[in-house]
Amino acid sequence: MPLVVVTTSPRVAPGLLSHQAWEALRSGPVLTGNAAHPQLPYLAEAGVEVEVVEPDPRALAARAVAETLVWLAGSGSESGDEEFMRAVGHAAVAMADPPLIEVVPGSYDLPGARVLDLVAVMDRLRTECPWDRGQTHESLVPYLLEEAYEVLETIEQGDHRALREELGDLLLQVVFHARVAEDFDIDDVAAGIVDKLVRRHPHVFGSVRAESADQVNDNWEAIKAAERAAKGRESALDGVPMGQPALSLAAQLIRRAERSGAPESLAAGIGQGVARELFDLVRRAGEAGIDAEAELRAAARAYRDRVHAWERR
């Protein structure tokens, strides 16, 4: 006789189970080791009785020899489920007449489902951890900048394995700020960027045609201009973050101004001494299609490597 293991995702609303899972749950006695399993109220409502037992791998395997048995997985942690089912498998293999073990997925995680775990962890930290509870938007700013620069560094180094971890650290800052906020939450943040992406990609989500990346950029800038006008902003430079590094700031200001039709002469003779030379260099780099910020960062890394080599000599 088979032992049917029904697995469920804690990131999917309880009660939303596959047709195959519902059939399995009605095929024989249903057992679980978790008295707080979130599916229990919904199964009871559907007339499916579930017996809560002490998880015993040998007893479960032995009972499944004589009758079809359904095990509702969900110990409270994924690692706990895996460890228990591994023990059941070992117990079955050791038997002279082992039961057939069949796994029936009751629900699947959708892409992005693990972000729900992060939101849940952040909620708990904000409630139970004195340090996390005491943070504000202002106190978190250094960490936001630090994590963003660490992401940049892994990309520049081509370390894609480290990039995954650094992106996680940066994502934490987004979720943290959304949790600290009193007038919005992470769903509002996500909804806002989804609306913006859909609105600015009419060639994907609407009827506008765009055959090239240049056409996409033109549409993007036209839509942004309309958004600024709707918000009462008149300048193409509105929204440029003035706190960014100076080279990238100058490049973005020049780029935005040129797109709005500002004459090139406005960028000539800006500042005094070194400032004028730097601004002009950024302008000329932009005309040549060169990112001045990236070029200077590459030069700085080369200088660092030379110093390290000098120190080791």
C-alpha atoms as a PDB file:
ATOM      1  CA  MET A   1       0.000   0.000   0.000  1.00  0.00           C
ATOM      2  CA  PRO A   2       1.264   3.527  -0.605  1.00  0.00           C
ATOM      3  CA  LEU A   3       2.248   6.270   1.749  1.00  0.00           C
ATOM      4  CA  VAL A   4       1.074   9.477   0.076  1.00  0.00           C
ATOM      5  CA  VAL A   5       2.900  12.600   1.203  1.00  0.00           C
ATOM      6  CA  VAL A   6       1.033  15.827   0.469  1.00  0.00           C
ATOM      7  CA  THR A   7       3.294  18.868   0.505  1.00  0.00           C
ATOM      8  CA  THR A   8       2.096  22.457   0.748  1.00  0.00           C
ATOM      9  CA  SER A   9       3.757  25.837   0.551  1.00  0.00           C
ATOM     10  CA  PRO A  10       3.473  28.192   3.539  1.00  0.00           C
ATOM     11  CA  ARG A  11       3.627  31.041   1.009  1.00  0.00           C
ATOM     12  CA  VAL A  12       0.337  30.073  -0.651  1.00  0.00           C
ATOM     13  CA  ALA A  13      -2.972  30.889   1.015  1.00  0.00           C
ATOM     14  CA  PRO A  14      -4.244  27.860   3.014  1.00  0.00           C
ATOM     15  CA  GLY A  15      -7.049  25.946   1.307  1.00  0.00           C
ATOM     16  CA  LEU A  16      -5.712  26.574  -2.190  1.00  0.00           C
ATOM     17  CA  LEU A  17      -4.706  23.012  -3.022  1.00  0.00           C
ATOM     18  CA  SER A  18      -4.333  21.184  -6.318  1.00  0.00           C
ATOM     19  CA  HIS A  19      -7.037  18.787  -7.528  1.00  0.00           C
ATOM     20  CA  GLN A  20      -4.540  15.931  -7.176  1.00  0.00           C
ATOM     21  CA  ALA A  21      -3.927  16.894  -3.540  1.00  0.00           C
ATOM     22  CA  TRP A  22      -7.645  16.917  -2.698  1.00  0.00           C
ATOM     23  CA  GLU A  23      -8.005  13.463  -4.243  1.00  0.00           C
ATOM     24  CA  ALA A  24      -5.050  12.186  -2.234  1.00  0.00           C
ATOM     25  CA  LEU A  25      -6.422  13.641   1.006  1.00  0.00           C
ATOM     26  CA  ARG A  26      -9.602  11.616   0.503  1.00  0.00           C
ATOM     27  CA  SER A  27      -7.810   8.371  -0.353  1.00  0.00           C
ATOM     28  CA  GLY A  28      -7.141   7.219   3.199  1.00  0.00           C
ATOM     29  CA  PRO A  29      -6.475   8.262   6.803  1.00  0.00           C
ATOM     30  CA  VAL A  30      -4.676  11.628   6.969  1.00  0.00           C
ATOM     31  CA  LEU A  31      -1.960  12.210   9.553  1.00  0.00           C
ATOM     32  CA  THR A  32       0.209  15.202  10.361  1.00  0.00           C
ATOM     33  CA  GLY A  33       2.822  16.038  12.951  1.00  0.00           C
ATOM     34  CA  ASN A  34       1.881  19.704  13.200  1.00  0.00           C
ATOM     35  CA  ALA A  35      -1.126  20.599  15.360  1.00  0.00           C
ATOM     36  CA  ALA A  36      -0.888  24.183  14.083  1.00  0.00           C
ATOM     37  CA  HIS A  37      -0.789  23.279  10.395  1.00  0.00           C
ATOM     38  CA  PRO A  38      -2.507  26.160   8.541  1.00  0.00           C
ATOM     39  CA  GLN A  39      -4.422  23.731   6.306  1.00  0.00           C
ATOM     40  CA  LEU A  40      -6.272  22.027   9.182  1.00  0.00           C
ATOM     41  CA  PRO A  41      -9.268  24.419   9.417  1.00  0.00           C
ATOM     42  CA  TYR A  42      -9.817  24.256   5.655  1.00  0.00           C
ATOM     43  CA  LEU A  43      -9.573  20.468   5.559  1.00  0.00           C
ATOM     44  CA  ALA A  44     -12.028  20.219   8.450  1.00  0.00           C
ATOM     45  CA  GLU A  45     -14.409  22.513   6.594  1.00  0.00           C
ATOM     46  CA  ALA A  46     -14.142  20.220   3.573  1.00  0.00           C
ATOM     47  CA  GLY A  47     -14.917  17.160   5.719  1.00  0.00           C
ATOM     48  CA  VAL A  48     -11.381  15.756   5.739  1.00  0.00           C
ATOM     49  CA  GLU A  49     -10.389  14.480   9.190  1.00  0.00           C
ATOM     50  CA  VAL A  50      -6.738  14.870  10.115  1.00  0.00           C
ATOM     51  CA  GLU A  51      -5.138  13.068  13.045  1.00  0.00           C
ATOM     52  CA  VAL A  52      -2.273  14.885  14.745  1.00  0.00           C
ATOM     53  CA  VAL A  53       0.390  12.385  15.822  1.00  0.00           C
ATOM     54  CA  GLU A  54       3.914  12.409  17.142  1.00  0.00           C
ATOM     55  CA  PRO A  55       6.177  12.130  14.067  1.00  0.00           C
ATOM     56  CA  ASP A  56       7.557   8.567  14.104  1.00  0.00           C
ATOM     57  CA  PRO A  57       9.268   7.504  10.840  1.00  0.00           C
ATOM     58  CA  ARG A  58       9.295   3.753  11.593  1.00  0.00           C
ATOM     59  CA  ALA A  59       5.675   3.662  12.775  1.00  0.00           C
ATOM     60  CA  LEU A  60       4.515   5.643   9.771  1.00  0.00           C
ATOM     61  CA  ALA A  61       6.328   3.377   7.301  1.00  0.00           C
ATOM     62  CA  ALA A  62       5.052   0.231   9.043  1.00  0.00           C
ATOM     63  CA  ARG A  63       1.431   1.405   9.074  1.00  0.00           C
ATOM     64  CA  ALA A  64       1.589   2.287   5.368  1.00  0.00           C
ATOM     65  CA  VAL A  65       2.304  -1.380   4.560  1.00  0.00           C
ATOM     66  CA  ALA A  66      -1.221  -2.383   5.589  1.00  0.00           C
ATOM     67  CA  GLU A  67      -3.268   0.593   4.339  1.00  0.00           C
ATOM     68  CA  THR A  68      -3.130   3.657   2.146  1.00  0.00           C
ATOM     69  CA  LEU A  69      -1.912   6.416   4.410  1.00  0.00           C
ATOM     70  CA  VAL A  70      -1.699  10.140   3.760  1.00  0.00           C
ATOM     71  CA  TRP A  71       0.899  12.289   5.501  1.00  0.00           C
ATOM     72  CA  LEU A  72       0.241  16.035   5.473  1.00  0.00           C
ATOM     73  CA  ALA A  73       3.734  17.512   5.496  1.00  0.00           C
ATOM     74  CA  GLY A  74       4.333  20.726   7.365  1.00  0.00           C
ATOM     75  CA  SER A  75       6.454  20.516  10.503  1.00  0.00           C
ATOM     76  CA  GLY A  76       6.820  24.267  10.632  1.00  0.00           C
ATOM     77  CA  SER A  77      10.110  24.381   8.740  1.00  0.00           C
ATOM     78  CA  GLU A  78      11.190  23.093   5.335  1.00  0.00           C
ATOM     79  CA  SER A  79      14.390  21.595   6.757  1.00  0.00           C
ATOM     80  CA  GLY A  80      12.354  19.740   9.388  1.00  0.00           C
ATOM     81  CA  ASP A  81      10.084  18.252   6.707  1.00  0.00           C
ATOM     82  CA  GLU A  82      13.050  17.123   4.638  1.00  0.00           C
ATOM     83  CA  GLU A  83      14.768  15.524   7.629  1.00  0.00           C
ATOM     84  CA  PHE A  84      11.607  13.669   8.673  1.00  0.00           C
ATOM     85  CA  MET A  85      10.839  12.359   5.178  1.00  0.00           C
ATOM     86  CA  ARG A  86      14.448  11.254   4.786  1.00  0.00           C
ATOM     87  CA  ALA A  87      14.056   9.249   8.000  1.00  0.00           C
ATOM     88  CA  VAL A  88      10.796   7.723   6.701  1.00  0.00           C
ATOM     89  CA  GLY A  89      12.594   6.711   3.518  1.00  0.00           C
ATOM     90  CA  HIS A  90      15.417   5.062   5.472  1.00  0.00           C
ATOM     91  CA  ALA A  91      12.875   3.202   7.627  1.00  0.00           C
ATOM     92  CA  ALA A  92      11.008   1.974   4.550  1.00  0.00           C
ATOM     93  CA  VAL A  93      14.171   0.761   2.811  1.00  0.00           C
ATOM     94  CA  ALA A  94      15.064  -1.297   5.883  1.00  0.00           C
ATOM     95  CA  MET A  95      11.752  -3.204   5.709  1.00  0.00           C
ATOM     96  CA  ALA A  96      11.348  -6.563   3.963  1.00  0.00           C
ATOM     97  CA  ASP A  97       8.189  -5.347   2.194  1.00  0.00           C
ATOM     98  CA  PRO A  98       8.517  -1.556   2.050  1.00  0.00           C
ATOM     99  CA  PRO A  99       5.533   0.657   1.182  1.00  0.00           C
ATOM    100  CA  LEU A 100       5.459   2.753  -1.961  1.00  0.00           C
ATOM    101  CA  ILE A 101       6.066   6.398  -1.089  1.00  0.00           C
ATOM    102  CA  GLU A 102       4.377   8.933  -3.380  1.00  0.00           C
ATOM    103  CA  VAL A 103       4.763  12.703  -3.103  1.00  0.00           C
ATOM    104  CA  VAL A 104       1.836  14.860  -4.202  1.00  0.00           C
ATOM    105  CA  PRO A 105       2.497  18.622  -4.350  1.00  0.00           C
ATOM    106  CA  GLY A 106      -0.536  20.387  -2.946  1.00  0.00           C
ATOM    107  CA  SER A 107       0.620  23.912  -3.778  1.00  0.00           C
ATOM    108  CA  TYR A 108       3.591  25.485  -5.501  1.00  0.00           C
ATOM    109  CA  ASP A 109       5.539  28.644  -4.856  1.00  0.00           C
ATOM    110  CA  LEU A 110       5.127  31.304  -7.508  1.00  0.00           C
ATOM    111  CA  PRO A 111       8.191  33.336  -8.588  1.00  0.00           C
ATOM    112  CA  GLY A 112       8.954  35.868  -5.880  1.00  0.00           C
ATOM    113  CA  ALA A 113       7.228  33.854  -3.162  1.00  0.00           C
ATOM    114  CA  ARG A 114      10.309  33.868  -0.914  1.00  0.00           C
ATOM    115  CA  VAL A 115       9.968  37.639  -0.638  1.00  0.00           C
ATOM    116  CA  LEU A 116       6.987  36.840   1.595  1.00  0.00           C
ATOM    117  CA  ASP A 117       9.411  35.097   3.962  1.00  0.00           C
ATOM    118  CA  LEU A 118      11.556  38.218   4.061  1.00  0.00           C
ATOM    119  CA  VAL A 119       8.531  40.376   4.840  1.00  0.00           C
ATOM    120  CA  ALA A 120       7.528  37.988   7.655  1.00  0.00           C
ATOM    121  CA  VAL A 121      11.048  37.943   9.115  1.00  0.00           C
ATOM    122  CA  MET A 122      11.232  41.740   8.956  1.00  0.00           C
ATOM    123  CA  ASP A 123       7.878  42.039  10.728  1.00  0.00           C
ATOM    124  CA  ARG A 124       9.168  39.852  13.539  1.00  0.00           C
ATOM    125  CA  LEU A 125      12.484  41.677  13.818  1.00  0.00           C
ATOM    126  CA  ARG A 126      10.715  45.030  13.920  1.00  0.00           C
ATOM    127  CA  THR A 127       8.540  43.731  16.764  1.00  0.00           C
ATOM    128  CA  GLU A 128      10.978  41.669  18.841  1.00  0.00           C
ATOM    129  CA  CYS A 129      14.505  43.034  18.206  1.00  0.00           C
ATOM    130  CA  PRO A 130      15.395  46.228  20.143  1.00  0.00           C
ATOM    131  CA  TRP A 131      17.885  47.357  17.478  1.00  0.00           C
ATOM    132  CA  ASP A 132      15.574  46.821  14.512  1.00  0.00           C
ATOM    133  CA  ARG A 133      12.673  48.355  16.420  1.00  0.00           C
ATOM    134  CA  GLY A 134      14.661  51.521  17.048  1.00  0.00           C
ATOM    135  CA  GLN A 135      15.654  52.267  13.457  1.00  0.00           C
ATOM    136  CA  THR A 136      14.297  55.155  11.382  1.00  0.00           C
ATOM    137  CA  HIS A 137      14.521  56.075   7.712  1.00  0.00           C
ATOM    138  CA  GLU A 138      17.319  58.486   8.626  1.00  0.00           C
ATOM    139  CA  SER A 139      19.339  55.993  10.688  1.00  0.00           C
ATOM    140  CA  LEU A 140      19.155  53.397   7.911  1.00  0.00           C
ATOM    141  CA  VAL A 141      20.557  55.689   5.193  1.00  0.00           C
ATOM    142  CA  PRO A 142      24.238  54.667   5.722  1.00  0.00           C
ATOM    143  CA  TYR A 143      23.330  50.983   5.363  1.00  0.00           C
ATOM    144  CA  LEU A 144      21.308  51.630   2.197  1.00  0.00           C
ATOM    145  CA  LEU A 145      24.247  53.409   0.588  1.00  0.00           C
ATOM    146  CA  GLU A 146      26.768  50.832   1.802  1.00  0.00           C
ATOM    147  CA  GLU A 147      24.754  47.897   0.438  1.00  0.00           C
ATOM    148  CA  ALA A 148      24.216  49.648  -2.910  1.00  0.00           C
ATOM    149  CA  TYR A 149      27.956  50.233  -3.269  1.00  0.00           C
ATOM    150  CA  GLU A 150      28.689  46.610  -2.341  1.00  0.00           C
ATOM    151  CA  VAL A 151      26.351  45.490  -5.140  1.00  0.00           C
ATOM    152  CA  LEU A 152      28.222  47.797  -7.494  1.00  0.00           C
ATOM    153  CA  GLU A 153      31.559  46.371  -6.405  1.00  0.00           C
ATOM    154  CA  THR A 154      30.547  42.752  -7.027  1.00  0.00           C
ATOM    155  CA  ILE A 155      29.312  43.691 -10.519  1.00  0.00           C
ATOM    156  CA  GLU A 156      32.556  45.499 -11.308  1.00  0.00           C
ATOM    157  CA  GLN A 157      34.533  42.487 -10.098  1.00  0.00           C
ATOM    158  CA  GLY A 158      32.376  40.082 -12.091  1.00  0.00           C
ATOM    159  CA  ASP A 159      31.677  38.105  -8.914  1.00  0.00           C
ATOM    160  CA  HIS A 160      28.166  36.906  -9.738  1.00  0.00           C
ATOM    161  CA  ARG A 161      28.142  34.403  -6.884  1.00  0.00           C
ATOM    162  CA  ALA A 162      28.654  37.209  -4.382  1.00  0.00           C
ATOM    163  CA  LEU A 163      26.163  39.369  -6.287  1.00  0.00           C
ATOM    164  CA  ARG A 164      23.262  37.189  -5.154  1.00  0.00           C
ATOM    165  CA  GLU A 165      24.128  37.754  -1.501  1.00  0.00           C
ATOM    166  CA  GLU A 166      24.700  41.485  -1.937  1.00  0.00           C
ATOM    167  CA  LEU A 167      21.390  41.904  -3.773  1.00  0.00           C
ATOM    168  CA  GLY A 168      19.734  40.191  -0.811  1.00  0.00           C
ATOM    169  CA  ASP A 169      21.334  42.696   1.570  1.00  0.00           C
ATOM    170  CA  LEU A 170      20.090  45.547  -0.623  1.00  0.00           C
ATOM    171  CA  LEU A 171      16.600  44.044  -0.826  1.00  0.00           C
ATOM    172  CA  LEU A 172      16.557  43.912   2.962  1.00  0.00           C
ATOM    173  CA  GLN A 173      17.021  47.679   3.054  1.00  0.00           C
ATOM    174  CA  VAL A 174      13.996  48.174   0.783  1.00  0.00           C
ATOM    175  CA  VAL A 175      11.834  45.900   2.932  1.00  0.00           C
ATOM    176  CA  PHE A 176      13.192  47.524   6.103  1.00  0.00           C
ATOM    177  CA  HIS A 177      12.267  51.042   4.951  1.00  0.00           C
ATOM    178  CA  ALA A 178       8.820  49.845   3.882  1.00  0.00           C
ATOM    179  CA  ARG A 179       8.306  48.316   7.341  1.00  0.00           C
ATOM    180  CA  VAL A 180       9.463  51.456   9.130  1.00  0.00           C
ATOM    181  CA  ALA A 181       7.078  53.651   7.122  1.00  0.00           C
ATOM    182  CA  GLU A 182       3.776  54.562   8.752  1.00  0.00           C
ATOM    183  CA  ASP A 183       1.807  55.650   5.685  1.00  0.00           C
ATOM    184  CA  PHE A 184       2.734  52.846   3.248  1.00  0.00           C
ATOM    185  CA  ASP A 185       3.962  49.253   3.248  1.00  0.00           C
ATOM    186  CA  ILE A 186       5.835  46.849   0.975  1.00  0.00           C
ATOM    187  CA  ASP A 187       2.699  46.155  -1.068  1.00  0.00           C
ATOM    188  CA  ASP A 188       2.328  49.879  -1.777  1.00  0.00           C
ATOM    189  CA  VAL A 189       5.990  50.006  -2.833  1.00  0.00           C
ATOM    190  CA  ALA A 190       5.565  47.026  -5.153  1.00  0.00           C
ATOM    191  CA  ALA A 191       2.269  48.324  -6.549  1.00  0.00           C
ATOM    192  CA  GLY A 192       3.845  51.688  -7.314  1.00  0.00           C
ATOM    193  CA  ILE A 193       6.744  50.278  -9.307  1.00  0.00           C
ATOM    194  CA  VAL A 194       4.484  47.787 -11.123  1.00  0.00           C
ATOM    195  CA  ASP A 195       2.165  50.623 -12.191  1.00  0.00           C
ATOM    196  CA  LYS A 196       5.154  52.686 -13.320  1.00  0.00           C
ATOM    197  CA  LEU A 197       6.683  49.854 -15.350  1.00  0.00           C
ATOM    198  CA  VAL A 198       3.400  49.064 -17.076  1.00  0.00           C
ATOM    199  CA  ARG A 199       2.766  52.754 -17.779  1.00  0.00           C
ATOM    200  CA  ARG A 200       6.249  53.301 -19.217  1.00  0.00           C
ATOM    201  CA  HIS A 201       6.196  50.186 -21.413  1.00  0.00           C
ATOM    202  CA  PRO A 202       3.170  50.761 -23.644  1.00  0.00           C
ATOM    203  CA  HIS A 203       4.932  48.770 -26.367  1.00  0.00           C
ATOM    204  CA  VAL A 204       4.676  45.723 -24.097  1.00  0.00           C
ATOM    205  CA  PHE A 205       1.447  46.285 -22.182  1.00  0.00           C
ATOM    206  CA  GLY A 206      -0.361  48.533 -24.667  1.00  0.00           C
ATOM    207  CA  SER A 207      -0.784  49.151 -28.374  1.00  0.00           C
ATOM    208  CA  VAL A 208       2.270  51.359 -28.975  1.00  0.00           C
ATOM    209  CA  ARG A 209       4.877  49.944 -31.359  1.00  0.00           C
ATOM    210  CA  ALA A 210       8.603  50.177 -30.640  1.00  0.00           C
ATOM    211  CA  GLU A 211      10.979  48.331 -32.952  1.00  0.00           C
ATOM    212  CA  SER A 212      14.261  49.467 -31.421  1.00  0.00           C
ATOM    213  CA  ALA A 213      15.846  50.366 -28.102  1.00  0.00           C
ATOM    214  CA  ASP A 214      16.057  54.004 -29.231  1.00  0.00           C
ATOM    215  CA  GLN A 215      12.299  54.095 -29.791  1.00  0.00           C
ATOM    216  CA  VAL A 216      11.773  52.595 -26.337  1.00  0.00           C
ATOM    217  CA  ASN A 217      13.984  55.309 -24.816  1.00  0.00           C
ATOM    218  CA  ASP A 218      12.121  58.038 -26.705  1.00  0.00           C
ATOM    219  CA  ASN A 219       8.782  56.735 -25.457  1.00  0.00           C
ATOM    220  CA  TRP A 220      10.167  56.462 -21.933  1.00  0.00           C
ATOM    221  CA  GLU A 221      11.343  60.073 -21.894  1.00  0.00           C
ATOM    222  CA  ALA A 222       8.047  61.331 -23.358  1.00  0.00           C
ATOM    223  CA  ILE A 223       6.076  59.473 -20.703  1.00  0.00           C
ATOM    224  CA  LYS A 224       8.352  60.792 -17.942  1.00  0.00           C
ATOM    225  CA  ALA A 225       7.866  64.338 -19.235  1.00  0.00           C
ATOM    226  CA  ALA A 226       4.097  63.868 -19.127  1.00  0.00           C
ATOM    227  CA  GLU A 227       4.371  62.511 -15.562  1.00  0.00           C
ATOM    228  CA  ARG A 228       6.416  65.530 -14.475  1.00  0.00           C
ATOM    229  CA  ALA A 229       3.843  67.857 -15.981  1.00  0.00           C
ATOM    230  CA  ALA A 230       1.039  66.015 -14.185  1.00  0.00           C
ATOM    231  CA  LYS A 231       2.901  66.464 -10.896  1.00  0.00           C
ATOM    232  CA  GLY A 232       3.406  70.167 -11.530  1.00  0.00           C
ATOM    233  CA  ARG A 233       7.098  69.776 -12.319  1.00  0.00           C
ATOM    234  CA  GLU A 234       8.270  71.852 -15.233  1.00  0.00           C
ATOM    235  CA  SER A 235      12.020  71.207 -15.401  1.00  0.00           C
ATOM    236  CA  ALA A 236      13.600  68.173 -17.026  1.00  0.00           C
ATOM    237  CA  LEU A 237      16.057  68.238 -14.117  1.00  0.00           C
ATOM    238  CA  ASP A 238      13.367  67.693 -11.481  1.00  0.00           C
ATOM    239  CA  GLY A 239      13.925  64.404  -9.748  1.00  0.00           C
ATOM    240  CA  VAL A 240      17.667  64.199 -10.337  1.00  0.00           C
ATOM    241  CA  PRO A 241      19.145  63.033  -6.996  1.00  0.00           C
ATOM    242  CA  MET A 242      21.667  65.702  -6.031  1.00  0.00           C
ATOM    243  CA  GLY A 243      23.254  63.483  -3.387  1.00  0.00           C
ATOM    244  CA  GLN A 244      24.822  61.074  -5.872  1.00  0.00           C
ATOM    245  CA  PRO A 245      28.591  61.098  -6.632  1.00  0.00           C
ATOM    246  CA  ALA A 246      29.610  64.300  -8.387  1.00  0.00           C
ATOM    247  CA  LEU A 247      30.759  62.785 -11.678  1.00  0.00           C
ATOM    248  CA  SER A 248      27.553  60.808 -12.194  1.00  0.00           C
ATOM    249  CA  LEU A 249      25.534  63.833 -11.024  1.00  0.00           C
ATOM    250  CA  ALA A 250      27.129  66.107 -13.616  1.00  0.00           C
ATOM    251  CA  ALA A 251      26.662  63.488 -16.335  1.00  0.00           C
ATOM    252  CA  GLN A 252      22.977  62.981 -15.510  1.00  0.00           C
ATOM    253  CA  LEU A 253      22.269  66.711 -15.389  1.00  0.00           C
ATOM    254  CA  ILE A 254      23.941  67.230 -18.783  1.00  0.00           C
ATOM    255  CA  ARG A 255      22.141  64.246 -20.286  1.00  0.00           C
ATOM    256  CA  ARG A 256      18.731  65.343 -19.004  1.00  0.00           C
ATOM    257  CA  ALA A 257      19.261  68.939 -20.141  1.00  0.00           C
ATOM    258  CA  GLU A 258      20.336  67.900 -23.634  1.00  0.00           C
ATOM    259  CA  ARG A 259      17.297  65.658 -24.011  1.00  0.00           C
ATOM    260  CA  SER A 260      15.072  68.591 -23.144  1.00  0.00           C
ATOM    261  CA  GLY A 261      16.667  70.649 -25.919  1.00  0.00           C
ATOM    262  CA  ALA A 262      18.939  72.856 -23.784  1.00  0.00           C
ATOM    263  CA  PRO A 263      21.788  74.391 -25.871  1.00  0.00           C
ATOM    264  CA  GLU A 264      25.252  72.888 -25.442  1.00  0.00           C
ATOM    265  CA  SER A 265      26.627  76.331 -24.603  1.00  0.00           C
ATOM    266  CA  LEU A 266      24.989  76.152 -21.156  1.00  0.00           C
ATOM    267  CA  ALA A 267      27.496  73.450 -20.180  1.00  0.00           C
ATOM    268  CA  ALA A 268      30.510  75.562 -21.130  1.00  0.00           C
ATOM    269  CA  GLY A 269      32.526  77.490 -18.582  1.00  0.00           C
ATOM    270  CA  ILE A 270      30.798  76.053 -15.503  1.00  0.00           C
ATOM    271  CA  GLY A 271      32.613  76.480 -12.188  1.00  0.00           C
ATOM    272  CA  GLN A 272      36.125  77.644 -11.400  1.00  0.00           C
ATOM    273  CA  GLY A 273      39.528  75.977 -11.743  1.00  0.00           C
ATOM    274  CA  VAL A 274      39.470  72.227 -11.226  1.00  0.00           C
ATOM    275  CA  ALA A 275      35.652  72.181 -11.035  1.00  0.00           C
ATOM    276  CA  ARG A 276      35.435  73.701 -14.512  1.00  0.00           C
ATOM    277  CA  GLU A 277      37.931  71.192 -15.881  1.00  0.00           C
ATOM    278  CA  LEU A 278      36.103  68.264 -14.308  1.00  0.00           C
ATOM    279  CA  PHE A 279      32.687  69.392 -15.538  1.00  0.00           C
ATOM    280  CA  ASP A 280      34.010  69.882 -19.047  1.00  0.00           C
ATOM    281  CA  LEU A 281      35.681  66.470 -18.922  1.00  0.00           C
ATOM    282  CA  VAL A 282      32.381  64.855 -17.922  1.00  0.00           C
ATOM    283  CA  ARG A 283      30.623  66.641 -20.793  1.00  0.00           C
ATOM    284  CA  ARG A 284      33.215  65.498 -23.321  1.00  0.00           C
ATOM    285  CA  ALA A 285      33.098  61.947 -21.953  1.00  0.00           C
ATOM    286  CA  GLY A 286      29.336  61.905 -22.421  1.00  0.00           C
ATOM    287  CA  GLU A 287      29.679  63.082 -26.008  1.00  0.00           C
ATOM    288  CA  ALA A 288      32.068  60.193 -26.622  1.00  0.00           C
ATOM    289  CA  GLY A 289      29.681  57.696 -25.013  1.00  0.00           C
ATOM    290  CA  ILE A 290      31.960  57.181 -22.011  1.00  0.00           C
ATOM    291  CA  ASP A 291      30.746  56.903 -18.401  1.00  0.00           C
ATOM    292  CA  ALA A 292      33.094  59.243 -16.518  1.00  0.00           C
ATOM    293  CA  GLU A 293      32.152  57.789 -13.133  1.00  0.00           C
ATOM    294  CA  ALA A 294      32.891  54.231 -14.248  1.00  0.00           C
ATOM    295  CA  GLU A 295      36.157  55.258 -15.905  1.00  0.00           C
ATOM    296  CA  LEU A 296      37.418  57.021 -12.790  1.00  0.00           C
ATOM    297  CA  ARG A 297      36.384  54.094 -10.601  1.00  0.00           C
ATOM    298  CA  ALA A 298      38.342  51.743 -12.884  1.00  0.00           C
ATOM    299  CA  ALA A 299      41.379  53.998 -12.612  1.00  0.00           C
ATOM    300  CA  ALA A 300      40.999  54.102  -8.822  1.00  0.00           C
ATOM    301  CA  ARG A 301      40.902  50.297  -8.661  1.00  0.00           C
ATOM    302  CA  ALA A 302      44.026  50.113 -10.810  1.00  0.00           C
ATOM    303  CA  TYR A 303      45.767  52.528  -8.453  1.00  0.00           C
ATOM    304  CA  ARG A 304      44.690  50.443  -5.454  1.00  0.00           C
ATOM    305  CA  ASP A 305      46.179  47.331  -7.062  1.00  0.00           C
ATOM    306  CA  ARG A 306      49.457  49.150  -7.690  1.00  0.00           C
ATOM    307  CA  VAL A 307      49.653  50.281  -4.080  1.00  0.00           C
ATOM    308  CA  HIS A 308      48.951  46.745  -2.872  1.00  0.00           C
ATOM    309  CA  ALA A 309      51.717  45.429  -5.104  1.00  0.00           C
ATOM    310  CA  TRP A 310      54.098  48.112  -3.795  1.00  0.00           C
ATOM    311  CA  GLU A 311      53.244  47.181  -0.182  1.00  0.00           C
ATOM    312  CA  ARG A 312      54.022  43.500  -0.846  1.00  0.00           C
ATOM    313  CA  ARG A 313      57.364  44.103  -2.517  1.00  0.00           C
END
